[in-house]
Amino acid sequence: MFIFKGRLGINLQLMKNVYFSSFLRFSSSAMMSSKFKNTKRIEGLDSNVWVEFTALAADPTVVNLGQGLPDIPPPSYVKEELAKAIAVDRMNQYTRCCGHPSLVEALSKVYGKVCDQKIDPYKEILVTVGAYGSLFNAIQGLIEEGDEVIIIEPFYDCYEPMVKMAGATPVFIPLRVKPCVASPTSSGDWTLNPDELASKFNSRTKAIILNTPNNPMGKVYTREELGVIADLCIKHDILCISDEVYEWIVYTGNKHIKIATLPGMWERTITIGSAGKTFSVTGWKIGWSIGPQHLIKHLQTVQQNSLYSCATPLQEALAQALMKNFNCMGDSECYFNSLSWELEVKRDRMAKLLQAVGLKPLIPEGGYFIIADLSSLNVDLSDMKQNEPYDYKFVKWMIKTKKLAAIPISAFCGPGTRVQFEKYVRFCFIKQDSTLDAAEKILTSWSKQKS
């Protein structure tokens, strides 16, 4: 038996130690890798249109009309109420799990008046971390594995992954151009086909998600259209999750109607609202769910075992802002009314700018987005990534060459309908005049290059 001494022996021993350590690390890594794998409930949900396009638009030279990010200031009294709330020591501590008392009471008064019924502030309202939180609580609290949930296209993009995370199956149905309309010019030219909608309901259907006014299209559902949905909900005994975050932003000639106010719908509807959309404070991330106690209690269970509560001073400030407007509802100075008047001017300006460059805008009836048909532009996108929908490629081309950002509409569609909507893009117009001026400069220059 040979015993190696000196430097050779030391080197061999070092090599042995290094090899053994490497082996252990490799083995441990191989063993742990399966433990680090994602759960099945988030499989395939890692891509996100906001993450991708917000990063592309981060260049300060880009005029960002993509993300629904207001750059107009909220009412001064909203900010002042927050400053007051923060100055009170007890407002910087935890508050009630399901909603700060002053806020749920204010919401009860506002929506009691809107819905013309008494709403229990503690049993029929839940305050959440944004409308996202309301949607998540509703789907986690009410949707089972194996259920089917009807989603109307185009839809806000989080609906589909939230349904899938609950183990349910999304069932898509698209809005279609009305048969009597040759060339759509308004979001009102699109509607659901009643027979097609009825065909989506079956014994596995648990809920339908409604969004009115719709994002991204801006469609405001009429009483007749809501009646068709309500009748099917009642016939098949299913739930309605109604996302109404743009409820106050409705333009001349249109009226927002809550489906929960239709006969037989209160007891089966969760209505979702948002402080971010109501007062142009999207960074506050305060939302709410309103509905009957027998439904809201399940959402409260999800909240108390997950996020628990929302920021106390933000809720207190919001409560005061709501009460200020509750006391003047219907008057011209009420922000619930004045914001839509201000935005209607911006909407019409945006439409003219898009028309000038050859885009065909669909005038929205509500919300603060406008979608435009880009079919007639015939932009050569052959050098862009080929395995993406046309609108994805177009927006990336526009950001790169024109320094103007938008959002592709196919991101708001299920896989079977993306082709139908991939020639549309969405622009946001809740912007200061200076931002719209910068967009106008880009579009005017673009128009001159085409002529």
Foldseek 3Di string as FASTA:
>chain_A
DDQDDDPVNVVVVVVVVVVVVVVVVVVVCVVCVVVPDDDPLCPPVPDDQCVVQVVLLVPPLFLEQADQAFPPDFPPLLVVLLVVLVVDVVLQDDAAQFAHVLLLVLVQLQVCVVLVHGFDSPQFKGKAQALVLVLLLLLLLFPAAQAEEEEEPLADLVNQSSNSSRNYHYDYFYWDADPVDPDFQALQRTAGDLVVVLVRDDLRHAEYEAEPCGPPAQAADDPVRLVSVQVSCVVNVHAYEYEYAQQLQFDPPDHHDDSCSPPPHQQRYWYKYGPCNLRVCVVQRMMMIGGGSVSVVSSSVVSCVPVRHGRRSSSSSVSVLSVVLSVVPPDCPRSSHVVNVVLVVLLVVVQVLCVLLPWRWHRRRGDFKIKTQQVVVPDDQVVFDDVDQQQVSVQSCCCVPLSYHHGASLSSDDPVCSNVRRRMTMGGRSYDVVSVVSVSVSSVVSSVVVD
